[in-house]
Amino acid sequence: MTDFVPLTIAVLTVSDSRTLETDTSGQALIEHLTGAGHLLGERALVRDDRYVLRAVVSRWIADPKIQVVISTGGTGLTGRDSTPEAIKPLFDKDIEGFGELFRAVSYDEIGTSTLQSRALAGLANGTVIFCLPGSTGACRTAWTKILEPQLDRRHRPCNFVELLPRFQESAS
């Protein structure tokens, strides 16, 4: 049996109205990831500004200790929502099925409202990046139905852990 490998995960909340004290989505992600045995590498909360977002995520993907970035917020269609526009240019490869799968599993909870989610994921400099909606429920759904199994090396037939160059280097 393959052993569990704890990953170092950074959590970014994108919001013009939340503070660290009122950030239930970011806090839920932290509780889920640490509860699963992963490590919180860093946490940040930034306003919905594509250049600020891009700067924070760029710093994290350049940090060899950060293996995964999960953002929450800014993926909708209204106002200043700009997470996809900020983060997608950083991707070396898109994980196209992530947004599709997220919307499919969300449909059971919120019906056709899932169409308004622009959740996305990709790989950048050997770091896996997931951009989730800002609701706590959406973060819970993404974690329990997609991220938790895919960030576990024991999940078969495949998982993201074994794709990470930083994991491959430490395994050899």
N, C-alpha and C. Protein backbone atom coordinates (compact mmCIF):
# COMPACT_ATOMS: atom_id res chain seq x y z
N MET A 1 0.84 -1.20 0.00
CA MET A 1 0.00 0.00 0.00
C MET A 1 0.88 1.25 0.00
N THR A 2 0.54 2.19 -0.82
CA THR A 2 1.25 3.45 -0.90
C THR A 2 0.93 4.30 0.32
N ASP A 3 1.93 4.99 0.83
CA ASP A 3 1.74 5.84 2.00
C ASP A 3 1.14 7.19 1.62
N PHE A 4 0.42 7.79 2.56
CA PHE A 4 -0.08 9.15 2.40
C PHE A 4 1.11 10.10 2.37
N VAL A 5 1.05 11.09 1.49
CA VAL A 5 2.09 12.10 1.39
C VAL A 5 1.46 13.46 1.69
N PRO A 6 1.82 14.10 2.82
CA PRO A 6 1.26 15.42 3.09
C PRO A 6 1.83 16.45 2.12
N LEU A 7 0.95 17.24 1.56
CA LEU A 7 1.35 18.30 0.64
C LEU A 7 1.32 19.64 1.36
N THR A 8 2.11 20.58 0.88
CA THR A 8 2.09 21.93 1.42
C THR A 8 1.20 22.76 0.51
N ILE A 9 0.13 23.29 1.08
CA ILE A 9 -0.92 23.95 0.33
C ILE A 9 -1.07 25.39 0.79
N ALA A 10 -1.12 26.31 -0.16
CA ALA A 10 -1.38 27.72 0.13
C ALA A 10 -2.85 28.02 -0.17
N VAL A 11 -3.49 28.82 0.67
CA VAL A 11 -4.90 29.17 0.51
C VAL A 11 -5.01 30.68 0.32
N LEU A 12 -5.70 31.05 -0.76
CA LEU A 12 -5.89 32.46 -1.09
C LEU A 12 -7.37 32.77 -1.15
N THR A 13 -7.81 33.75 -0.38
CA THR A 13 -9.20 34.21 -0.46
C THR A 13 -9.20 35.53 -1.22
N VAL A 14 -10.10 35.60 -2.20
CA VAL A 14 -10.25 36.79 -3.03
C VAL A 14 -11.57 37.44 -2.65
N SER A 15 -11.50 38.63 -2.06
CA SER A 15 -12.72 39.28 -1.62
C SER A 15 -12.49 40.77 -1.38
N ASP A 16 -13.48 41.54 -1.76
CA ASP A 16 -13.46 42.97 -1.46
C ASP A 16 -14.17 43.29 -0.15
N SER A 17 -14.81 42.28 0.46
CA SER A 17 -15.61 42.55 1.65
C SER A 17 -15.23 41.72 2.88
N ARG A 18 -14.53 40.62 2.71
CA ARG A 18 -14.19 39.77 3.86
C ARG A 18 -12.88 40.19 4.49
N THR A 19 -12.75 39.79 5.76
CA THR A 19 -11.49 39.92 6.48
C THR A 19 -11.08 38.51 6.88
N LEU A 20 -9.89 38.35 7.43
CA LEU A 20 -9.48 37.02 7.89
C LEU A 20 -10.46 36.49 8.95
N GLU A 21 -11.03 37.38 9.75
CA GLU A 21 -11.96 36.96 10.78
C GLU A 21 -13.30 36.51 10.21
N THR A 22 -13.71 37.05 9.07
CA THR A 22 -15.01 36.70 8.48
C THR A 22 -14.87 35.78 7.26
N ASP A 23 -13.70 35.30 7.01
CA ASP A 23 -13.43 34.45 5.84
C ASP A 23 -13.76 32.99 6.13
N THR A 24 -15.03 32.65 6.04
CA THR A 24 -15.45 31.27 6.34
C THR A 24 -15.01 30.29 5.27
N SER A 25 -14.91 30.71 4.03
CA SER A 25 -14.50 29.81 2.95
C SER A 25 -13.03 29.41 3.08
N GLY A 26 -12.17 30.39 3.26
CA GLY A 26 -10.75 30.10 3.44
C GLY A 26 -10.52 29.26 4.69
N GLN A 27 -11.24 29.59 5.76
CA GLN A 27 -11.10 28.82 7.00
C GLN A 27 -11.57 27.38 6.81
N ALA A 28 -12.65 27.18 6.07
CA ALA A 28 -13.14 25.82 5.81
C ALA A 28 -12.10 25.02 5.03
N LEU A 29 -11.49 25.65 4.03
CA LEU A 29 -10.45 24.95 3.26
C LEU A 29 -9.28 24.54 4.16
N ILE A 30 -8.88 25.46 5.02
CA ILE A 30 -7.77 25.16 5.94
C ILE A 30 -8.13 24.00 6.86
N GLU A 31 -9.33 24.01 7.39
CA GLU A 31 -9.76 22.91 8.27
C GLU A 31 -9.79 21.59 7.52
N HIS A 32 -10.30 21.61 6.29
CA HIS A 32 -10.35 20.38 5.49
C HIS A 32 -8.96 19.87 5.16
N LEU A 33 -8.07 20.75 4.71
CA LEU A 33 -6.75 20.27 4.27
C LEU A 33 -5.91 19.80 5.45
N THR A 34 -5.97 20.52 6.56
CA THR A 34 -5.19 20.07 7.72
C THR A 34 -5.82 18.83 8.34
N GLY A 35 -7.14 18.74 8.31
CA GLY A 35 -7.82 17.55 8.80
C GLY A 35 -7.47 16.30 8.00
N ALA A 36 -7.15 16.50 6.73
CA ALA A 36 -6.76 15.38 5.86
C ALA A 36 -5.28 15.03 6.02
N GLY A 37 -4.53 15.85 6.77
CA GLY A 37 -3.11 15.57 6.99
C GLY A 37 -2.15 16.40 6.18
N HIS A 38 -2.67 17.36 5.40
CA HIS A 38 -1.80 18.24 4.63
C HIS A 38 -1.33 19.41 5.49
N LEU A 39 -0.39 20.18 4.97
CA LEU A 39 0.19 21.30 5.70
C LEU A 39 -0.23 22.62 5.07
N LEU A 40 -0.58 23.58 5.89
CA LEU A 40 -0.87 24.92 5.39
C LEU A 40 0.45 25.64 5.20
N GLY A 41 0.77 25.96 3.95
CA GLY A 41 2.02 26.64 3.65
C GLY A 41 1.93 28.14 3.89
N GLU A 42 0.80 28.70 3.49
CA GLU A 42 0.58 30.14 3.66
C GLU A 42 -0.88 30.43 3.41
N ARG A 43 -1.35 31.52 3.99
CA ARG A 43 -2.72 31.97 3.78
C ARG A 43 -2.69 33.45 3.49
N ALA A 44 -3.51 33.87 2.52
CA ALA A 44 -3.60 35.30 2.21
C ALA A 44 -5.04 35.64 1.85
N LEU A 45 -5.39 36.89 2.07
CA LEU A 45 -6.67 37.43 1.66
C LEU A 45 -6.37 38.72 0.91
N VAL A 46 -6.84 38.80 -0.34
CA VAL A 46 -6.56 39.98 -1.16
C VAL A 46 -7.85 40.47 -1.81
N ARG A 47 -7.85 41.74 -2.16
CA ARG A 47 -9.00 42.30 -2.86
C ARG A 47 -9.05 41.73 -4.28
N ASP A 48 -10.20 41.84 -4.89
CA ASP A 48 -10.40 41.29 -6.23
C ASP A 48 -9.78 42.22 -7.26
N ASP A 49 -8.49 42.06 -7.44
CA ASP A 49 -7.71 42.86 -8.38
C ASP A 49 -6.77 41.89 -9.09
N ARG A 50 -6.93 41.77 -10.39
CA ARG A 50 -6.19 40.71 -11.11
C ARG A 50 -4.68 40.81 -10.96
N TYR A 51 -4.13 41.98 -10.80
CA TYR A 51 -2.68 42.11 -10.69
C TYR A 51 -2.18 41.73 -9.29
N VAL A 52 -2.96 42.06 -8.29
CA VAL A 52 -2.63 41.65 -6.93
C VAL A 52 -2.72 40.13 -6.82
N LEU A 53 -3.80 39.56 -7.35
CA LEU A 53 -3.98 38.10 -7.34
C LEU A 53 -2.81 37.41 -8.03
N ARG A 54 -2.50 37.89 -9.20
CA ARG A 54 -1.42 37.27 -10.00
C ARG A 54 -0.08 37.36 -9.27
N ALA A 55 0.16 38.46 -8.58
CA ALA A 55 1.42 38.62 -7.85
C ALA A 55 1.54 37.62 -6.72
N VAL A 56 0.45 37.43 -5.95
CA VAL A 56 0.48 36.48 -4.84
C VAL A 56 0.68 35.06 -5.35
N VAL A 57 -0.11 34.67 -6.34
CA VAL A 57 0.00 33.30 -6.86
C VAL A 57 1.35 33.10 -7.54
N SER A 58 1.86 34.09 -8.24
CA SER A 58 3.19 33.97 -8.87
C SER A 58 4.27 33.71 -7.82
N ARG A 59 4.17 34.40 -6.70
CA ARG A 59 5.15 34.19 -5.63
C ARG A 59 5.07 32.76 -5.10
N TRP A 60 3.84 32.26 -4.95
CA TRP A 60 3.67 30.90 -4.44
C TRP A 60 4.15 29.84 -5.43
N ILE A 61 3.89 30.03 -6.72
CA ILE A 61 4.34 29.01 -7.67
C ILE A 61 5.86 29.05 -7.86
N ALA A 62 6.49 30.15 -7.47
CA ALA A 62 7.96 30.23 -7.51
C ALA A 62 8.59 29.64 -6.25
N ASP A 63 7.79 29.42 -5.22
CA ASP A 63 8.28 28.89 -3.94
C ASP A 63 8.32 27.36 -4.02
N PRO A 64 9.49 26.76 -3.93
CA PRO A 64 9.57 25.29 -4.06
C PRO A 64 8.88 24.52 -2.94
N LYS A 65 8.55 25.20 -1.84
CA LYS A 65 7.86 24.51 -0.74
C LYS A 65 6.36 24.38 -0.98
N ILE A 66 5.77 25.27 -1.79
CA ILE A 66 4.33 25.24 -2.05
C ILE A 66 4.06 24.29 -3.22
N GLN A 67 3.24 23.27 -2.98
CA GLN A 67 2.93 22.28 -4.02
C GLN A 67 1.56 22.48 -4.63
N VAL A 68 0.65 23.07 -3.85
CA VAL A 68 -0.72 23.27 -4.30
C VAL A 68 -1.17 24.66 -3.85
N VAL A 69 -1.93 25.34 -4.71
CA VAL A 69 -2.56 26.61 -4.36
C VAL A 69 -4.06 26.42 -4.56
N ILE A 70 -4.83 26.80 -3.55
CA ILE A 70 -6.30 26.78 -3.67
C ILE A 70 -6.78 28.20 -3.39
N SER A 71 -7.49 28.77 -4.37
CA SER A 71 -8.09 30.08 -4.15
C SER A 71 -9.59 29.93 -4.04
N THR A 72 -10.20 30.84 -3.31
CA THR A 72 -11.65 30.89 -3.18
C THR A 72 -12.11 32.32 -3.41
N GLY A 73 -13.09 32.47 -4.29
CA GLY A 73 -13.65 33.78 -4.58
C GLY A 73 -13.20 34.33 -5.92
N GLY A 74 -14.01 35.24 -6.43
CA GLY A 74 -13.69 35.93 -7.67
C GLY A 74 -13.92 35.14 -8.95
N THR A 75 -14.66 34.03 -8.86
CA THR A 75 -14.87 33.20 -10.05
C THR A 75 -16.25 33.39 -10.67
N GLY A 76 -17.03 34.30 -10.14
CA GLY A 76 -18.38 34.51 -10.66
C GLY A 76 -18.39 35.38 -11.90
N LEU A 77 -19.57 35.88 -12.23
CA LEU A 77 -19.75 36.68 -13.44
C LEU A 77 -20.07 38.14 -13.15
N THR A 78 -20.08 38.52 -11.90
CA THR A 78 -20.51 39.87 -11.57
C THR A 78 -19.35 40.78 -11.19
N GLY A 79 -19.63 42.05 -11.21
CA GLY A 79 -18.72 43.06 -10.67
C GLY A 79 -17.27 42.86 -11.01
N ARG A 80 -16.47 42.79 -9.98
CA ARG A 80 -15.03 42.74 -10.14
C ARG A 80 -14.46 41.33 -10.20
N ASP A 81 -15.30 40.29 -10.30
CA ASP A 81 -14.81 38.92 -10.33
C ASP A 81 -13.75 38.77 -11.43
N SER A 82 -12.51 38.50 -11.03
CA SER A 82 -11.43 38.46 -12.02
C SER A 82 -10.42 37.33 -11.78
N THR A 83 -10.75 36.38 -10.91
CA THR A 83 -9.80 35.31 -10.63
C THR A 83 -9.39 34.54 -11.89
N PRO A 84 -10.34 34.09 -12.73
CA PRO A 84 -9.90 33.36 -13.93
C PRO A 84 -8.98 34.19 -14.84
N GLU A 85 -9.30 35.46 -15.02
CA GLU A 85 -8.48 36.31 -15.87
C GLU A 85 -7.10 36.55 -15.26
N ALA A 86 -7.02 36.57 -13.94
CA ALA A 86 -5.75 36.79 -13.27
C ALA A 86 -4.87 35.55 -13.29
N ILE A 87 -5.46 34.38 -13.07
CA ILE A 87 -4.67 33.17 -12.83
C ILE A 87 -4.43 32.35 -14.08
N LYS A 88 -5.38 32.29 -14.97
CA LYS A 88 -5.22 31.43 -16.16
C LYS A 88 -3.96 31.74 -16.97
N PRO A 89 -3.55 33.00 -17.13
CA PRO A 89 -2.31 33.26 -17.88
C PRO A 89 -1.05 32.65 -17.24
N LEU A 90 -1.13 32.30 -15.96
CA LEU A 90 0.02 31.69 -15.28
C LEU A 90 0.16 30.20 -15.59
N PHE A 91 -0.92 29.57 -16.06
CA PHE A 91 -0.92 28.13 -16.27
C PHE A 91 0.03 27.71 -17.39
N ASP A 92 0.80 26.66 -17.13
CA ASP A 92 1.54 25.98 -18.19
C ASP A 92 0.60 25.01 -18.91
N LYS A 93 -0.31 24.41 -18.12
CA LYS A 93 -1.32 23.50 -18.66
C LYS A 93 -2.62 23.70 -17.90
N ASP A 94 -3.73 23.71 -18.63
CA ASP A 94 -5.05 23.76 -18.01
C ASP A 94 -5.44 22.35 -17.59
N ILE A 95 -6.16 22.25 -16.49
CA ILE A 95 -6.79 20.99 -16.10
C ILE A 95 -8.26 21.17 -16.46
N GLU A 96 -8.57 20.95 -17.71
CA GLU A 96 -9.87 21.30 -18.26
C GLU A 96 -11.03 20.60 -17.57
N GLY A 97 -10.85 19.35 -17.18
CA GLY A 97 -11.94 18.61 -16.58
C GLY A 97 -12.34 19.09 -15.20
N PHE A 98 -11.49 19.87 -14.53
CA PHE A 98 -11.81 20.30 -13.17
C PHE A 98 -13.07 21.15 -13.13
N GLY A 99 -13.12 22.21 -13.93
CA GLY A 99 -14.30 23.08 -13.93
C GLY A 99 -15.55 22.32 -14.32
N GLU A 100 -15.42 21.45 -15.32
CA GLU A 100 -16.57 20.65 -15.75
C GLU A 100 -17.06 19.75 -14.63
N LEU A 101 -16.13 19.06 -13.96
CA LEU A 101 -16.50 18.16 -12.88
C LEU A 101 -17.08 18.94 -11.70
N PHE A 102 -16.47 20.08 -11.37
CA PHE A 102 -16.99 20.88 -10.27
C PHE A 102 -18.43 21.29 -10.53
N ARG A 103 -18.71 21.77 -11.73
CA ARG A 103 -20.08 22.17 -12.05
C ARG A 103 -21.04 20.97 -12.03
N ALA A 104 -20.56 19.81 -12.45
CA ALA A 104 -21.41 18.61 -12.44
C ALA A 104 -21.77 18.20 -11.01
N VAL A 105 -20.78 18.17 -10.12
CA VAL A 105 -21.10 17.77 -8.74
C VAL A 105 -21.87 18.87 -8.00
N SER A 106 -21.66 20.11 -8.37
CA SER A 106 -22.39 21.22 -7.75
C SER A 106 -23.86 21.23 -8.16
N TYR A 107 -24.15 20.71 -9.33
CA TYR A 107 -25.52 20.70 -9.83
C TYR A 107 -26.46 20.02 -8.84
N ASP A 108 -26.00 18.95 -8.20
CA ASP A 108 -26.82 18.24 -7.23
C ASP A 108 -27.18 19.11 -6.04
N GLU A 109 -26.37 20.12 -5.75
CA GLU A 109 -26.60 20.98 -4.59
C GLU A 109 -27.29 22.28 -4.94
N ILE A 110 -26.92 22.88 -6.08
CA ILE A 110 -27.46 24.22 -6.38
C ILE A 110 -28.15 24.31 -7.74
N GLY A 111 -28.32 23.18 -8.41
CA GLY A 111 -29.03 23.17 -9.68
C GLY A 111 -28.32 23.98 -10.75
N THR A 112 -29.12 24.61 -11.59
CA THR A 112 -28.55 25.32 -12.74
C THR A 112 -27.74 26.55 -12.36
N SER A 113 -27.79 26.98 -11.11
CA SER A 113 -26.95 28.11 -10.68
C SER A 113 -25.47 27.81 -10.84
N THR A 114 -25.13 26.53 -10.94
CA THR A 114 -23.73 26.15 -11.13
C THR A 114 -23.15 26.70 -12.43
N LEU A 115 -24.01 27.07 -13.38
CA LEU A 115 -23.53 27.66 -14.63
C LEU A 115 -22.77 28.95 -14.41
N GLN A 116 -23.04 29.64 -13.31
CA GLN A 116 -22.38 30.91 -13.05
C GLN A 116 -21.01 30.77 -12.40
N SER A 117 -20.58 29.54 -12.17
CA SER A 117 -19.25 29.31 -11.61
C SER A 117 -18.23 29.19 -12.73
N ARG A 118 -17.15 29.92 -12.58
CA ARG A 118 -16.03 29.79 -13.53
C ARG A 118 -14.84 29.14 -12.83
N ALA A 119 -15.14 28.12 -12.01
CA ALA A 119 -14.08 27.37 -11.34
C ALA A 119 -13.12 26.82 -12.39
N LEU A 120 -11.83 26.82 -12.07
CA LEU A 120 -10.83 26.33 -13.02
C LEU A 120 -9.62 25.82 -12.26
N ALA A 121 -8.77 25.11 -13.00
CA ALA A 121 -7.55 24.58 -12.40
C ALA A 121 -6.49 24.44 -13.48
N GLY A 122 -5.24 24.40 -13.03
CA GLY A 122 -4.13 24.24 -13.97
C GLY A 122 -2.84 23.93 -13.24
N LEU A 123 -1.82 23.69 -14.02
CA LEU A 123 -0.47 23.46 -13.51
C LEU A 123 0.40 24.64 -13.91
N ALA A 124 1.19 25.13 -12.97
CA ALA A 124 2.11 26.23 -13.23
C ALA A 124 3.40 25.98 -12.47
N ASN A 125 4.49 25.84 -13.18
CA ASN A 125 5.80 25.64 -12.56
C ASN A 125 5.78 24.46 -11.58
N GLY A 126 5.08 23.40 -11.96
CA GLY A 126 5.02 22.21 -11.12
C GLY A 126 4.10 22.33 -9.91
N THR A 127 3.30 23.38 -9.85
CA THR A 127 2.36 23.61 -8.76
C THR A 127 0.95 23.43 -9.32
N VAL A 128 0.10 22.72 -8.58
CA VAL A 128 -1.29 22.57 -8.99
C VAL A 128 -2.09 23.72 -8.38
N ILE A 129 -2.89 24.39 -9.21
CA ILE A 129 -3.68 25.53 -8.77
C ILE A 129 -5.16 25.25 -9.02
N PHE A 130 -5.97 25.44 -7.98
CA PHE A 130 -7.41 25.29 -8.08
C PHE A 130 -8.07 26.61 -7.70
N CYS A 131 -8.97 27.10 -8.53
CA CYS A 131 -9.70 28.34 -8.26
C CYS A 131 -11.17 27.99 -8.05
N LEU A 132 -11.65 28.20 -6.83
CA LEU A 132 -13.00 27.82 -6.43
C LEU A 132 -13.87 29.06 -6.22
N PRO A 133 -15.18 28.88 -6.28
CA PRO A 133 -16.08 29.97 -5.91
C PRO A 133 -15.89 30.37 -4.45
N GLY A 134 -16.45 31.51 -4.09
CA GLY A 134 -16.24 32.06 -2.75
C GLY A 134 -17.16 31.54 -1.67
N SER A 135 -18.13 30.72 -2.01
CA SER A 135 -19.03 30.24 -0.96
C SER A 135 -18.41 29.09 -0.19
N THR A 136 -18.72 29.04 1.09
CA THR A 136 -18.21 27.97 1.95
C THR A 136 -18.73 26.62 1.45
N GLY A 137 -19.97 26.56 1.00
CA GLY A 137 -20.53 25.33 0.48
C GLY A 137 -19.79 24.85 -0.76
N ALA A 138 -19.44 25.76 -1.64
CA ALA A 138 -18.70 25.39 -2.85
C ALA A 138 -17.32 24.86 -2.49
N CYS A 139 -16.68 25.46 -1.50
CA CYS A 139 -15.37 24.98 -1.06
C CYS A 139 -15.48 23.59 -0.45
N ARG A 140 -16.50 23.37 0.35
CA ARG A 140 -16.73 22.05 0.95
C ARG A 140 -16.97 21.01 -0.15
N THR A 141 -17.81 21.33 -1.11
CA THR A 141 -18.10 20.40 -2.21
C THR A 141 -16.84 20.08 -2.99
N ALA A 142 -16.09 21.10 -3.37
CA ALA A 142 -14.86 20.88 -4.14
C ALA A 142 -13.88 20.02 -3.35
N TRP A 143 -13.74 20.30 -2.06
CA TRP A 143 -12.78 19.54 -1.27
C TRP A 143 -13.21 18.08 -1.15
N THR A 144 -14.43 17.85 -0.70
CA THR A 144 -14.84 16.48 -0.40
C THR A 144 -15.03 15.62 -1.64
N LYS A 145 -15.49 16.21 -2.73
CA LYS A 145 -15.81 15.41 -3.91
C LYS A 145 -14.70 15.36 -4.95
N ILE A 146 -13.76 16.30 -4.90
CA ILE A 146 -12.71 16.32 -5.93
C ILE A 146 -11.32 16.40 -5.31
N LEU A 147 -11.06 17.44 -4.55
CA LEU A 147 -9.70 17.72 -4.11
C LEU A 147 -9.15 16.70 -3.12
N GLU A 148 -9.92 16.35 -2.12
CA GLU A 148 -9.39 15.42 -1.12
C GLU A 148 -8.92 14.11 -1.76
N PRO A 149 -9.72 13.46 -2.61
CA PRO A 149 -9.20 12.23 -3.21
C PRO A 149 -8.05 12.48 -4.19
N GLN A 150 -8.12 13.56 -4.95
CA GLN A 150 -7.08 13.80 -5.95
C GLN A 150 -5.76 14.28 -5.35
N LEU A 151 -5.80 14.79 -4.12
CA LEU A 151 -4.57 15.22 -3.44
C LEU A 151 -4.07 14.14 -2.47
N ASP A 152 -4.53 12.93 -2.68
CA ASP A 152 -4.11 11.79 -1.87
C ASP A 152 -3.42 10.78 -2.78
N ARG A 153 -2.18 10.54 -2.52
CA ARG A 153 -1.36 9.65 -3.35
C ARG A 153 -1.94 8.23 -3.43
N ARG A 154 -2.72 7.85 -2.47
CA ARG A 154 -3.29 6.51 -2.44
C ARG A 154 -4.48 6.35 -3.37
N HIS A 155 -5.02 7.46 -3.87
CA HIS A 155 -6.20 7.40 -4.75
C HIS A 155 -5.82 6.80 -6.10
N ARG A 156 -6.59 5.85 -6.55
CA ARG A 156 -6.33 5.16 -7.82
C ARG A 156 -7.54 5.25 -8.72
N PRO A 157 -7.34 5.28 -10.03
CA PRO A 157 -6.11 4.90 -10.72
C PRO A 157 -5.08 6.01 -10.86
N CYS A 158 -5.45 7.27 -10.57
CA CYS A 158 -4.45 8.34 -10.68
C CYS A 158 -4.81 9.46 -9.71
N ASN A 159 -3.83 10.33 -9.48
CA ASN A 159 -4.00 11.45 -8.58
C ASN A 159 -3.00 12.53 -8.97
N PHE A 160 -3.19 13.72 -8.41
CA PHE A 160 -2.29 14.83 -8.73
C PHE A 160 -0.94 14.73 -8.04
N VAL A 161 -0.86 14.04 -6.93
CA VAL A 161 0.38 13.99 -6.17
C VAL A 161 1.51 13.42 -7.02
N GLU A 162 1.24 12.34 -7.70
CA GLU A 162 2.30 11.69 -8.47
C GLU A 162 2.68 12.47 -9.73
N LEU A 163 1.90 13.48 -10.07
CA LEU A 163 2.25 14.35 -11.20
C LEU A 163 3.17 15.50 -10.82
N LEU A 164 3.22 15.80 -9.53
CA LEU A 164 3.99 16.95 -9.07
C LEU A 164 5.49 16.70 -9.24
N PRO A 165 6.17 17.54 -9.99
CA PRO A 165 7.62 17.36 -10.14
C PRO A 165 8.34 17.36 -8.80
N ARG A 166 7.87 18.17 -7.89
CA ARG A 166 8.53 18.23 -6.58
C ARG A 166 8.37 16.91 -5.83
N PHE A 167 7.24 16.23 -6.03
CA PHE A 167 7.07 14.91 -5.43
C PHE A 167 7.97 13.89 -6.14
N GLN A 168 8.02 13.96 -7.45
CA GLN A 168 8.83 13.00 -8.22
C GLN A 168 10.29 13.12 -7.83
N GLU A 169 10.78 14.34 -7.59
CA GLU A 169 12.16 14.53 -7.18
C GLU A 169 12.42 13.88 -5.82
N SER A 170 11.48 14.05 -4.87
CA SER A 170 11.69 13.50 -3.53
C SER A 170 11.49 11.99 -3.50
N ALA A 171 10.74 11.44 -4.46
CA ALA A 171 10.51 10.00 -4.49
C ALA A 171 11.66 9.24 -5.12
N SER A 172 12.51 9.95 -5.90
CA SER A 172 13.61 9.25 -6.57
C SER A 172 14.89 9.24 -5.77
